[in-house]
C-alpha atoms as a PDB file:
ATOM      1  CA  MET A   1       5.662  -3.101   6.040  1.00  0.00           C
ATOM      2  CA  ARG A   2       2.027  -2.822   7.107  1.00  0.00           C
ATOM      3  CA  ASN A   3       2.954  -1.877  10.688  1.00  0.00           C
ATOM      4  CA  LEU A   4       5.404   0.714   9.457  1.00  0.00           C
ATOM      5  CA  LEU A   5       2.754   2.243   7.144  1.00  0.00           C
ATOM      6  CA  TYR A   6       0.236   2.581   9.963  1.00  0.00           C
ATOM      7  CA  THR A   7       2.860   4.029  12.313  1.00  0.00           C
ATOM      8  CA  ILE A   8       3.762   6.695   9.779  1.00  0.00           C
ATOM      9  CA  LEU A   9       0.073   7.510   9.196  1.00  0.00           C
ATOM     10  CA  ILE A  10      -0.679   8.245  12.833  1.00  0.00           C
ATOM     11  CA  VAL A  11       2.302  10.423  13.649  1.00  0.00           C
ATOM     12  CA  ALA A  12       0.753  13.767  14.579  1.00  0.00           C
ATOM     13  CA  ILE A  13       2.759  16.970  14.888  1.00  0.00           C
ATOM     14  CA  ALA A  14       1.428  19.673  17.231  1.00  0.00           C
ATOM     15  CA  GLY A  15       2.992  22.990  16.203  1.00  0.00           C
ATOM     16  CA  ILE A  16       6.725  22.542  15.639  1.00  0.00           C
ATOM     17  CA  ALA A  17       7.964  18.932  15.909  1.00  0.00           C
ATOM     18  CA  SER A  18      10.743  18.208  18.362  1.00  0.00           C
ATOM     19  CA  PRO A  19      13.609  16.343  16.629  1.00  0.00           C
ATOM     20  CA  ALA A  20      14.400  14.654  19.962  1.00  0.00           C
ATOM     21  CA  PHE A  21      11.031  12.881  20.116  1.00  0.00           C
ATOM     22  CA  ALA A  22      11.726   9.195  19.470  1.00  0.00           C
ATOM     23  CA  LEU A  23       9.263   6.629  20.788  1.00  0.00           C
ATOM     24  CA  THR A  24       8.386   3.224  19.373  1.00  0.00           C
ATOM     25  CA  VAL A  25       4.944   1.738  19.986  1.00  0.00           C
ATOM     26  CA  SER A  26       3.846  -1.856  19.333  1.00  0.00           C
ATOM     27  CA  PRO A  27       1.572  -3.111  17.929  1.00  0.00           C
ATOM     28  CA  ALA A  28       0.831  -0.433  15.353  1.00  0.00           C
ATOM     29  CA  ARG A  29      -2.831  -1.372  15.417  1.00  0.00           C
ATOM     30  CA  VAL A  30      -5.202  -3.436  17.592  1.00  0.00           C
ATOM     31  CA  GLU A  31      -8.065  -5.406  16.080  1.00  0.00           C
ATOM     32  CA  ILE A  32     -10.562  -6.500  18.698  1.00  0.00           C
ATOM     33  CA  THR A  33     -14.179  -7.725  18.956  1.00  0.00           C
ATOM     34  CA  GLY A  34     -16.545  -7.482  21.928  1.00  0.00           C
ATOM     35  CA  ASP A  35     -20.188  -7.659  22.972  1.00  0.00           C
ATOM     36  CA  PRO A  36     -22.242  -4.643  24.122  1.00  0.00           C
ATOM     37  CA  GLY A  37     -21.691  -4.149  27.849  1.00  0.00           C
ATOM     38  CA  ALA A  38     -18.408  -6.071  27.880  1.00  0.00           C
ATOM     39  CA  THR A  39     -15.056  -4.782  29.100  1.00  0.00           C
ATOM     40  CA  LEU A  40     -12.088  -5.737  26.966  1.00  0.00           C
ATOM     41  CA  GLN A  41      -8.427  -5.727  27.967  1.00  0.00           C
ATOM     42  CA  GLY A  42      -5.295  -5.113  25.925  1.00  0.00           C
ATOM     43  CA  LYS A  43      -1.611  -4.138  26.101  1.00  0.00           C
ATOM     44  CA  ILE A  44       0.675  -1.685  24.298  1.00  0.00           C
ATOM     45  CA  GLU A  45       4.429  -1.817  24.444  1.00  0.00           C
ATOM     46  CA  LEU A  46       6.498   1.413  24.542  1.00  0.00           C
ATOM     47  CA  PHE A  47      10.220   1.738  23.898  1.00  0.00           C
ATOM     48  CA  ASN A  48      12.096   4.983  24.691  1.00  0.00           C
ATOM     49  CA  GLU A  49      14.840   5.576  22.081  1.00  0.00           C
ATOM     50  CA  GLN A  50      15.859   8.927  23.517  1.00  0.00           C
ATOM     51  CA  GLU A  51      18.642   9.891  25.865  1.00  0.00           C
ATOM     52  CA  GLY A  52      17.476  10.271  29.442  1.00  0.00           C
ATOM     53  CA  ALA A  53      14.165   9.613  31.139  1.00  0.00           C
ATOM     54  CA  ARG A  54      11.029  10.840  29.318  1.00  0.00           C
ATOM     55  CA  THR A  55       7.414  11.259  30.342  1.00  0.00           C
ATOM     56  CA  PHE A  56       4.770  10.417  27.756  1.00  0.00           C
ATOM     57  CA  PHE A  57       1.155  11.565  28.177  1.00  0.00           C
ATOM     58  CA  THR A  58      -1.805   9.635  26.809  1.00  0.00           C
ATOM     59  CA  SER A  59      -4.786  10.911  24.816  1.00  0.00           C
ATOM     60  CA  PHE A  60      -7.484   9.408  22.625  1.00  0.00           C
ATOM     61  CA  GLU A  61      -9.161  10.403  19.362  1.00  0.00           C
ATOM     62  CA  ASN A  62     -11.722   8.884  17.056  1.00  0.00           C
ATOM     63  CA  PHE A  63     -10.902   8.699  13.344  1.00  0.00           C
ATOM     64  CA  GLU A  64     -12.702   8.301  10.055  1.00  0.00           C
ATOM     65  CA  PRO A  65     -11.431   7.668   6.503  1.00  0.00           C
ATOM     66  CA  SER A  66      -9.812  10.506   4.604  1.00  0.00           C
ATOM     67  CA  GLY A  67     -10.207  10.270   0.841  1.00  0.00           C
ATOM     68  CA  ASP A  68      -9.651   6.898  -0.838  1.00  0.00           C
ATOM     69  CA  SER A  69      -6.058   6.298   0.376  1.00  0.00           C
ATOM     70  CA  GLY A  70      -7.045   4.651   3.651  1.00  0.00           C
ATOM     71  CA  ALA A  71      -5.257   7.311   5.748  1.00  0.00           C
ATOM     72  CA  PRO A  72      -7.127   8.096   9.011  1.00  0.00           C
ATOM     73  CA  HIS A  73      -8.580  11.531   9.666  1.00  0.00           C
ATOM     74  CA  PHE A  74      -8.806  12.252  13.434  1.00  0.00           C
ATOM     75  CA  ILE A  75     -12.042  13.897  14.567  1.00  0.00           C
ATOM     76  CA  GLY A  76     -11.711  14.418  18.316  1.00  0.00           C
ATOM     77  CA  SER A  77     -12.829  12.511  21.380  1.00  0.00           C
ATOM     78  CA  LYS A  78     -16.274  13.802  22.388  1.00  0.00           C
ATOM     79  CA  ASP A  79     -18.003  10.415  22.114  1.00  0.00           C
ATOM     80  CA  ASP A  80     -17.841   6.862  20.829  1.00  0.00           C
ATOM     81  CA  LEU A  81     -14.707   4.678  21.113  1.00  0.00           C
ATOM     82  CA  ALA A  82     -12.360   7.456  22.235  1.00  0.00           C
ATOM     83  CA  THR A  83     -14.420   7.811  25.407  1.00  0.00           C
ATOM     84  CA  TRP A  84     -14.592   4.029  26.013  1.00  0.00           C
ATOM     85  CA  ILE A  85     -10.825   3.496  26.236  1.00  0.00           C
ATOM     86  CA  LYS A  86      -9.043   3.908  29.606  1.00  0.00           C
ATOM     87  CA  THR A  87      -5.322   3.681  30.378  1.00  0.00           C
ATOM     88  CA  GLU A  88      -2.657   5.413  32.479  1.00  0.00           C
ATOM     89  CA  ASN A  89      -2.560   9.194  32.130  1.00  0.00           C
ATOM     90  CA  LYS A  90       1.214   9.190  31.702  1.00  0.00           C
ATOM     91  CA  VAL A  91       4.138   6.799  31.443  1.00  0.00           C
ATOM     92  CA  VAL A  92       7.706   7.541  32.610  1.00  0.00           C
ATOM     93  CA  LEU A  93      10.404   5.656  30.690  1.00  0.00           C
ATOM     94  CA  GLU A  94      14.155   5.565  31.215  1.00  0.00           C
ATOM     95  CA  SER A  95      16.433   5.738  28.173  1.00  0.00           C
ATOM     96  CA  GLY A  96      16.485   2.473  26.247  1.00  0.00           C
ATOM     97  CA  LYS A  97      13.764   0.922  28.439  1.00  0.00           C
ATOM     98  CA  ARG A  98      10.496  -0.755  27.516  1.00  0.00           C
ATOM     99  CA  SER A  99       7.196  -0.677  29.318  1.00  0.00           C
ATOM    100  CA  ILE A 100       3.915  -2.568  28.891  1.00  0.00           C
ATOM    101  CA  VAL A 101       0.918  -0.226  29.166  1.00  0.00           C
ATOM    102  CA  PRO A 102      -2.393  -2.008  29.836  1.00  0.00           C
ATOM    103  CA  PHE A 103      -5.631  -0.503  28.538  1.00  0.00           C
ATOM    104  CA  SER A 104      -9.331  -1.376  28.773  1.00  0.00           C
ATOM    105  CA  ILE A 105     -12.342  -0.764  26.541  1.00  0.00           C
ATOM    106  CA  SER A 106     -15.718  -0.529  28.268  1.00  0.00           C
ATOM    107  CA  ILE A 107     -18.363  -1.033  25.602  1.00  0.00           C
ATOM    108  CA  PRO A 108     -21.710   0.554  26.496  1.00  0.00           C
ATOM    109  CA  LYS A 109     -24.722  -1.757  26.576  1.00  0.00           C
ATOM    110  CA  ASN A 110     -26.419   0.369  23.959  1.00  0.00           C
ATOM    111  CA  ALA A 111     -23.381   0.516  21.638  1.00  0.00           C
ATOM    112  CA  GLU A 112     -24.284   0.205  17.959  1.00  0.00           C
ATOM    113  CA  PRO A 113     -23.088  -3.058  16.399  1.00  0.00           C
ATOM    114  CA  GLY A 114     -20.369  -2.668  13.827  1.00  0.00           C
ATOM    115  CA  GLY A 115     -17.105  -0.866  13.526  1.00  0.00           C
ATOM    116  CA  HIS A 116     -15.754   1.787  15.930  1.00  0.00           C
ATOM    117  CA  PHE A 117     -12.352   3.336  15.342  1.00  0.00           C
ATOM    118  CA  ALA A 118     -10.003   5.379  17.519  1.00  0.00           C
ATOM    119  CA  ALA A 119      -6.322   5.854  18.366  1.00  0.00           C
ATOM    120  CA  VAL A 120      -4.416   5.813  21.646  1.00  0.00           C
ATOM    121  CA  PHE A 121      -1.764   8.519  21.474  1.00  0.00           C
ATOM    122  CA  PHE A 122       1.448   8.943  23.492  1.00  0.00           C
ATOM    123  CA  GLY A 123       2.773  12.501  23.409  1.00  0.00           C
ATOM    124  CA  SER A 124       5.588  14.523  24.818  1.00  0.00           C
ATOM    125  CA  GLN A 125       3.240  17.125  26.233  1.00  0.00           C
ATOM    126  CA  ALA A 126       0.201  16.804  28.489  1.00  0.00           C
ATOM    127  CA  PRO A 127      -3.093  17.283  26.630  1.00  0.00           C
ATOM    128  CA  GLY A 128      -4.223  20.892  27.001  1.00  0.00           C
ATOM    129  CA  ALA A 129      -1.163  21.830  29.010  1.00  0.00           C
ATOM    130  CA  GLN A 130      -0.158  24.692  26.796  1.00  0.00           C
ATOM    131  CA  GLY A 131      -2.226  27.870  26.618  1.00  0.00           C
ATOM    132  CA  GLY A 132      -2.184  31.639  26.752  1.00  0.00           C
ATOM    133  CA  GLY A 133      -0.937  31.885  23.139  1.00  0.00           C
ATOM    134  CA  GLN A 134       2.046  29.659  23.798  1.00  0.00           C
ATOM    135  CA  VAL A 135       3.377  27.571  20.863  1.00  0.00           C
ATOM    136  CA  SER A 136       3.214  23.830  21.428  1.00  0.00           C
ATOM    137  CA  ILE A 137       6.550  22.146  20.710  1.00  0.00           C
ATOM    138  CA  GLY A 138       6.266  18.368  20.760  1.00  0.00           C
ATOM    139  CA  GLY A 139       4.803  15.380  18.963  1.00  0.00           C
ATOM    140  CA  LYS A 140       2.798  12.269  19.486  1.00  0.00           C
ATOM    141  CA  ILE A 141       2.541   8.782  18.068  1.00  0.00           C
ATOM    142  CA  GLY A 142      -0.160   6.244  18.614  1.00  0.00           C
ATOM    143  CA  VAL A 143      -1.858   2.907  18.055  1.00  0.00           C
ATOM    144  CA  LEU A 144      -4.974   2.468  15.923  1.00  0.00           C
ATOM    145  CA  VAL A 145      -7.763   0.573  17.714  1.00  0.00           C
ATOM    146  CA  LEU A 146     -10.254  -1.148  15.371  1.00  0.00           C
ATOM    147  CA  LEU A 147     -13.202  -2.375  17.463  1.00  0.00           C
ATOM    148  CA  ARG A 148     -16.068  -4.490  16.143  1.00  0.00           C
ATOM    149  CA  VAL A 149     -19.105  -4.512  18.408  1.00  0.00           C
ATOM    150  CA  SER A 150     -20.929  -7.825  18.050  1.00  0.00           C
ATOM    151  CA  GLY A 151     -24.426  -7.915  16.691  1.00  0.00           C
ATOM    152  CA  GLU A 152     -26.274  -7.805  13.374  1.00  0.00           C
ATOM    153  CA  VAL A 153     -24.238  -5.616  11.039  1.00  0.00           C
ATOM    154  CA  VAL A 154     -25.508  -4.593   7.637  1.00  0.00           C
ATOM    155  CA  GLU A 155     -22.965  -5.176   4.814  1.00  0.00           C
ATOM    156  CA  GLY A 156     -23.073  -3.365   1.523  1.00  0.00           C
ATOM    157  CA  GLY A 157     -21.053  -1.838  -1.240  1.00  0.00           C
ATOM    158  CA  GLY A 158     -19.175  -3.183  -4.203  1.00  0.00           C
ATOM    159  CA  LEU A 159     -16.406  -2.726  -6.740  1.00  0.00           C
ATOM    160  CA  LEU A 160     -16.419   0.708  -8.376  1.00  0.00           C
ATOM    161  CA  GLU A 161     -13.627   0.334 -10.918  1.00  0.00           C
ATOM    162  CA  PHE A 162     -10.599  -1.694 -11.933  1.00  0.00           C
ATOM    163  CA  ILE A 163      -8.021  -0.020 -14.164  1.00  0.00           C
ATOM    164  CA  ALA A 164      -4.307   0.411 -14.758  1.00  0.00           C
ATOM    165  CA  LYS A 165      -3.024   3.542 -13.009  1.00  0.00           C
ATOM    166  CA  GLY A 166      -3.978   6.599 -15.090  1.00  0.00           C
ATOM    167  CA  LYS A 167      -6.156   4.329 -17.311  1.00  0.00           C
ATOM    168  CA  GLN A 168      -3.072   3.622 -19.373  1.00  0.00           C
ATOM    169  CA  ARG A 169      -3.409   1.010 -22.098  1.00  0.00           C
ATOM    170  CA  PHE A 170       0.049   0.950 -23.655  1.00  0.00           C
ATOM    171  CA  PHE A 171       3.284   0.112 -21.819  1.00  0.00           C
ATOM    172  CA  SER A 172       6.847  -0.402 -23.010  1.00  0.00           C
ATOM    173  CA  ALA A 173       7.898  -2.533 -20.022  1.00  0.00           C
ATOM    174  CA  LEU A 174       7.108  -3.476 -16.476  1.00  0.00           C
ATOM    175  CA  PRO A 175       6.110  -2.407 -13.893  1.00  0.00           C
ATOM    176  CA  VAL A 176       2.344  -2.018 -14.504  1.00  0.00           C
ATOM    177  CA  THR A 177       0.349  -0.602 -11.586  1.00  0.00           C
ATOM    178  CA  PHE A 178      -3.291  -1.667 -11.303  1.00  0.00           C
ATOM    179  CA  ALA A 179      -5.808   0.127  -9.121  1.00  0.00           C
ATOM    180  CA  TYR A 180      -9.279  -0.861  -7.915  1.00  0.00           C
ATOM    181  CA  ARG A 181     -11.770   1.001  -5.711  1.00  0.00           C
ATOM    182  CA  LEU A 182     -14.041  -0.762  -3.265  1.00  0.00           C
ATOM    183  CA  ASN A 183     -17.042   1.041  -1.832  1.00  0.00           C
ATOM    184  CA  ASN A 184     -18.124   0.102   1.693  1.00  0.00           C
ATOM    185  CA  THR A 185     -21.690   1.168   2.604  1.00  0.00           C
ATOM    186  CA  GLY A 186     -21.964  -1.288   5.531  1.00  0.00           C
ATOM    187  CA  GLY A 187     -21.549  -0.815   9.268  1.00  0.00           C
ATOM    188  CA  ASP A 188     -18.060  -2.256   9.711  1.00  0.00           C
ATOM    189  CA  ARG A 189     -14.719  -2.193   7.945  1.00  0.00           C
ATOM    190  CA  VAL A 190     -14.054  -4.841   5.256  1.00  0.00           C
ATOM    191  CA  VAL A 191     -10.812  -6.382   4.050  1.00  0.00           C
ATOM    192  CA  PRO A 192     -10.862  -7.476   0.414  1.00  0.00           C
ATOM    193  CA  LEU A 193      -8.945 -10.681  -0.338  1.00  0.00           C
ATOM    194  CA  GLY A 194      -8.235 -12.261  -3.647  1.00  0.00           C
ATOM    195  CA  GLU A 195      -5.901 -12.101  -6.624  1.00  0.00           C
ATOM    196  CA  ILE A 196      -5.187 -10.563  -9.991  1.00  0.00           C
ATOM    197  CA  LYS A 197      -4.249 -12.963 -12.808  1.00  0.00           C
ATOM    198  CA  ILE A 198      -2.320 -11.631 -15.789  1.00  0.00           C
ATOM    199  CA  LYS A 199      -2.896 -13.555 -19.011  1.00  0.00           C
ATOM    200  CA  ASN A 200      -0.957 -13.053 -22.226  1.00  0.00           C
ATOM    201  CA  THR A 201      -2.089 -13.168 -25.885  1.00  0.00           C
ATOM    202  CA  LEU A 202      -2.153 -16.988 -25.780  1.00  0.00           C
ATOM    203  CA  ARG A 203      -4.326 -16.875 -22.658  1.00  0.00           C
ATOM    204  CA  MET A 204      -1.498 -18.358 -20.585  1.00  0.00           C
ATOM    205  CA  THR A 205      -1.026 -17.000 -17.057  1.00  0.00           C
ATOM    206  CA  SER A 206       2.007 -14.725 -16.908  1.00  0.00           C
ATOM    207  CA  ALA A 207       1.653 -13.712 -13.250  1.00  0.00           C
ATOM    208  CA  THR A 208      -0.628 -14.073 -10.242  1.00  0.00           C
ATOM    209  CA  LEU A 209      -0.710 -11.133  -7.784  1.00  0.00           C
ATOM    210  CA  LEU A 210      -2.320 -10.750  -4.357  1.00  0.00           C
ATOM    211  CA  ALA A 211      -5.113  -8.197  -4.591  1.00  0.00           C
ATOM    212  CA  ASN A 212      -4.502  -6.859  -1.037  1.00  0.00           C
ATOM    213  CA  LYS A 213      -1.055  -7.977   0.059  1.00  0.00           C
ATOM    214  CA  ASN A 214      -0.965  -5.685   3.135  1.00  0.00           C
ATOM    215  CA  GLU A 215      -4.573  -6.551   4.096  1.00  0.00           C
ATOM    216  CA  GLY A 216      -5.705  -2.948   4.121  1.00  0.00           C
ATOM    217  CA  SER A 217      -9.345  -2.256   4.989  1.00  0.00           C
ATOM    218  CA  ALA A 218     -12.132  -0.067   3.711  1.00  0.00           C
ATOM    219  CA  LEU A 219     -13.875   1.743   6.553  1.00  0.00           C
ATOM    220  CA  PRO A 220     -17.693   2.226   6.658  1.00  0.00           C
ATOM    221  CA  GLY A 221     -19.027   4.966   4.513  1.00  0.00           C
ATOM    222  CA  SER A 222     -15.946   5.224   2.336  1.00  0.00           C
ATOM    223  CA  ALA A 223     -14.452   4.069  -0.965  1.00  0.00           C
ATOM    224  CA  ARG A 224     -10.879   2.744  -0.631  1.00  0.00           C
ATOM    225  CA  LYS A 225      -8.406   2.563  -3.470  1.00  0.00           C
ATOM    226  CA  PHE A 226      -6.036  -0.393  -3.555  1.00  0.00           C
ATOM    227  CA  GLU A 227      -2.984  -0.537  -5.810  1.00  0.00           C
ATOM    228  CA  VAL A 228      -1.225  -3.696  -7.027  1.00  0.00           C
ATOM    229  CA  VAL A 229       2.088  -3.602  -8.938  1.00  0.00           C
ATOM    230  CA  TRP A 230       3.129  -6.178 -11.491  1.00  0.00           C
ATOM    231  CA  GLY A 231       6.881  -6.257 -11.841  1.00  0.00           C
ATOM    232  CA  GLU A 232       7.686  -4.633  -8.477  1.00  0.00           C
ATOM    233  CA  GLU A 233       9.625  -7.676  -7.355  1.00  0.00           C
ATOM    234  CA  SER A 234      12.001  -7.463 -10.321  1.00  0.00           C
ATOM    235  CA  GLN A 235      13.790  -4.400  -8.924  1.00  0.00           C
ATOM    236  CA  PRO A 236      15.680  -4.523  -5.601  1.00  0.00           C
ATOM    237  CA  ALA A 237      14.433  -2.181  -2.843  1.00  0.00           C
ATOM    238  CA  ASN A 238      17.711  -0.198  -2.712  1.00  0.00           C
ATOM    239  CA  ASP A 239      17.535   0.420  -6.486  1.00  0.00           C
ATOM    240  CA  LYS A 240      14.000   1.778  -6.112  1.00  0.00           C
ATOM    241  CA  GLU A 241      15.215   4.340  -3.602  1.00  0.00           C
ATOM    242  CA  GLN A 242      18.204   5.392  -5.648  1.00  0.00           C
ATOM    243  CA  LYS A 243      16.619   5.597  -9.082  1.00  0.00           C
ATOM    244  CA  THR A 244      14.228   8.478  -9.269  1.00  0.00           C
ATOM    245  CA  GLU A 245      14.796   9.372 -12.963  1.00  0.00           C
ATOM    246  CA  SER A 246      13.373   7.475 -15.907  1.00  0.00           C
ATOM    247  CA  PRO A 247      15.769   4.956 -17.400  1.00  0.00           C
ATOM    248  CA  GLY A 248      17.596   5.869 -20.597  1.00  0.00           C
ATOM    249  CA  PHE A 249      16.954   4.320 -24.013  1.00  0.00           C
ATOM    250  CA  PHE A 250      19.547   1.551 -23.833  1.00  0.00           C
ATOM    251  CA  GLU A 251      18.845   0.896 -20.117  1.00  0.00           C
ATOM    252  CA  MET A 252      15.184   0.439 -20.956  1.00  0.00           C
ATOM    253  CA  ALA A 253      16.078  -1.868 -23.868  1.00  0.00           C
ATOM    254  CA  GLY A 254      18.230  -4.002 -21.523  1.00  0.00           C
ATOM    255  CA  LYS A 255      15.355  -4.196 -19.051  1.00  0.00           C
ATOM    256  CA  GLN A 256      12.986  -5.271 -21.829  1.00  0.00           C
ATOM    257  CA  TRP A 257      15.447  -7.977 -22.929  1.00  0.00           C
ATOM    258  CA  SER A 258      15.897  -9.365 -19.397  1.00  0.00           C
ATOM    259  CA  GLU A 259      12.160  -9.562 -18.666  1.00  0.00           C
ATOM    260  CA  PHE A 260      10.642  -9.841 -22.111  1.00  0.00           C
ATOM    261  CA  HIS A 261       6.911  -9.165 -22.462  1.00  0.00           C
ATOM    262  CA  PHE A 262       5.167  -8.424 -25.720  1.00  0.00           C
ATOM    263  CA  GLY A 263       1.571  -8.380 -26.927  1.00  0.00           C
ATOM    264  CA  TRP A 264      -1.978  -8.087 -25.612  1.00  0.00           C
ATOM    265  CA  TYR A 265      -2.519  -8.823 -21.930  1.00  0.00           C
ATOM    266  CA  THR A 266      -5.604  -9.103 -19.759  1.00  0.00           C
ATOM    267  CA  ALA A 267      -5.694  -8.616 -16.007  1.00  0.00           C
ATOM    268  CA  GLU A 268      -8.443 -10.497 -14.222  1.00  0.00           C
ATOM    269  CA  LEU A 269      -9.436  -9.303 -10.707  1.00  0.00           C
ATOM    270  CA  ASN A 270     -11.297 -11.628  -8.356  1.00  0.00           C
ATOM    271  CA  ILE A 271     -11.923 -10.557  -4.741  1.00  0.00           C
ATOM    272  CA  THR A 272     -14.120 -11.457  -1.750  1.00  0.00           C
ATOM    273  CA  TRP A 273     -14.873  -9.403   1.358  1.00  0.00           C
ATOM    274  CA  GLY A 274     -17.086  -9.230   4.434  1.00  0.00           C
ATOM    275  CA  VAL A 275     -18.626 -11.855   6.716  1.00  0.00           C
ATOM    276  CA  ALA A 276     -21.077 -12.807   3.945  1.00  0.00           C
ATOM    277  CA  ASN A 277     -18.168 -13.393   1.516  1.00  0.00           C
ATOM    278  CA  GLN A 278     -19.379 -10.934  -1.121  1.00  0.00           C
ATOM    279  CA  THR A 279     -17.553 -11.315  -4.422  1.00  0.00           C
ATOM    280  CA  ALA A 280     -16.622  -9.115  -7.322  1.00  0.00           C
ATOM    281  CA  ASN A 281     -14.588  -9.569 -10.511  1.00  0.00           C
ATOM    282  CA  ALA A 282     -13.461  -7.394 -13.362  1.00  0.00           C
ATOM    283  CA  THR A 283     -10.983  -7.364 -16.274  1.00  0.00           C
ATOM    284  CA  TYR A 284      -8.677  -4.822 -17.816  1.00  0.00           C
ATOM    285  CA  SER A 285      -6.823  -5.247 -21.102  1.00  0.00           C
ATOM    286  CA  PHE A 286      -3.591  -3.531 -22.237  1.00  0.00           C
ATOM    287  CA  PHE A 287      -0.634  -3.775 -24.568  1.00  0.00           C
ATOM    288  CA  ILE A 288       3.032  -4.200 -23.740  1.00  0.00           C
ATOM    289  CA  ILE A 289       5.201  -3.133 -26.723  1.00  0.00           C
ATOM    290  CA  PRO A 290       8.943  -3.017 -25.973  1.00  0.00           C
ATOM    291  CA  TRP A 291       9.583  -0.528 -28.768  1.00  0.00           C
ATOM    292  CA  GLN A 292      13.143   0.372 -27.675  1.00  0.00           C
ATOM    293  CA  LEU A 293      14.218  -3.278 -27.877  1.00  0.00           C
ATOM    294  CA  LEU A 294      12.284  -3.879 -31.113  1.00  0.00           C
ATOM    295  CA  LEU A 295      13.916  -0.796 -32.667  1.00  0.00           C
ATOM    296  CA  ILE A 296      17.385  -2.035 -31.792  1.00  0.00           C
ATOM    297  CA  ILE A 297      16.583  -5.506 -33.180  1.00  0.00           C
ATOM    298  CA  PHE A 298      15.214  -3.928 -36.375  1.00  0.00           C
ATOM    299  CA  ILE A 299      18.355  -1.831 -36.821  1.00  0.00           C
ATOM    300  CA  ILE A 300      20.633  -4.859 -36.245  1.00  0.00           C
ATOM    301  CA  LEU A 301      18.633  -6.928 -38.738  1.00  0.00           C
ATOM    302  CA  ALA A 302      18.747  -4.039 -41.227  1.00  0.00           C
ATOM    303  CA  ILE A 303      22.534  -3.781 -40.869  1.00  0.00           C
ATOM    304  CA  ILE A 304      22.934  -7.589 -41.242  1.00  0.00           C
ATOM    305  CA  GLY A 305      20.641  -7.529 -44.285  1.00  0.00           C
ATOM    306  CA  PHE A 306      22.570  -4.611 -45.854  1.00  0.00           C
ATOM    307  CA  PHE A 307      25.995  -6.166 -45.482  1.00  0.00           C
ATOM    308  CA  GLY A 308      24.628  -9.587 -46.295  1.00  0.00           C
ATOM    309  CA  LYS A 309      23.260  -8.220 -49.585  1.00  0.00           C
ATOM    310  CA  ILE A 310      26.679  -6.632 -50.362  1.00  0.00           C
ATOM    311  CA  GLY A 311      28.434  -9.861 -49.450  1.00  0.00           C
ATOM    312  CA  LEU A 312      26.064 -11.900 -51.618  1.00  0.00           C
ATOM    313  CA  LYS A 313      26.738  -9.632 -54.597  1.00  0.00           C
ATOM    314  CA  LYS A 314      30.479  -9.964 -54.135  1.00  0.00           C
ATOM    315  CA  TYR A 315      30.154 -13.707 -53.819  1.00  0.00           C
ATOM    316  CA  ASN A 316      28.101 -13.895 -57.045  1.00  0.00           C
ATOM    317  CA  ARG A 317      30.689 -11.788 -58.871  1.00  0.00           C
ATOM    318  CA  TYR A 318      33.424 -14.069 -57.608  1.00  0.00           C
ATOM    319  CA  ILE A 319      31.613 -17.188 -58.830  1.00  0.00           C
ATOM    320  CA  ILE A 320      31.001 -15.632 -62.232  1.00  0.00           C
ATOM    321  CA  ALA A 321      34.639 -14.586 -62.518  1.00  0.00           C
ATOM    322  CA  GLN A 322      35.830 -18.120 -61.591  1.00  0.00           C
ATOM    323  CA  ALA A 323      33.473 -19.634 -64.229  1.00  0.00           C
ATOM    324  CA  ARG A 324      34.858 -17.291 -66.906  1.00  0.00           C
ATOM    325  CA  GLN A 325      38.440 -18.197 -66.044  1.00  0.00           C
ATOM    326  CA  GLN A 326      37.662 -21.904 -66.384  1.00  0.00           C
ATOM    327  CA  LYS A 327      36.221 -21.338 -69.847  1.00  0.00           C
END
């Protein structure tokens, strides 16, 4: 799932995308550490899914965070890591064939310690080949390279907020989506790790969720939002894709019956991040009131009570009539 997410994020379309462009790269990202002045080696695997032989051209771009979603924003290749990476200018692949493409990273001796981020792209057109007002028709896909240059790196930042999505306090059923934002003011990316414990009215633990299941990172100088869903596992993946509309009244009541939750709940977030193992914790309280199910139960009880009352009256009249006959 994580590799698929990163692959989708770094697909770049230049002009009009070619529907025939189909190339798989692996891994989706490379995490590597090196000292200033060192030369690092790595490998990328390419797989040509298209019919016929294809030529793929390489290019490099630095990236920085875009918003709080964690999606990379590519900013060119004038300096930094994009200029340190070297690999073949182009790769020719037959249909259905794989190829291992080696690459190297030459870290300058005066490189600043901390995080440096770039992508190695493989495209269907040579970089800068089109010109004279021509429209570029092609695409490119790449691998994120996350380099940490050794040395003393300042770490900073903290937890900005922990809420339910939309700051919602009342729910009728699961799922409940929690969101927390982590600010990174240090010199390298950080990966928060920890858990969210859900406790019910009786302070018993109803669920324990991983706070960063996909091990996403917050890049330097950014605030990253992480979302955690309680109740996601209760619905099969194919049902999630098919059901885009809100469930009906009785469907919701059935869901509430099958996974009954009622009362006041508290979500407790506990995370750590960074080399120094910085910690943060927060709580968020909310209600789950399955009102559709409760309404149906109330109506059923009211009907039972109504007919029970009628039945009791008839029974009493019958007893009185029998007593009179005996007299």
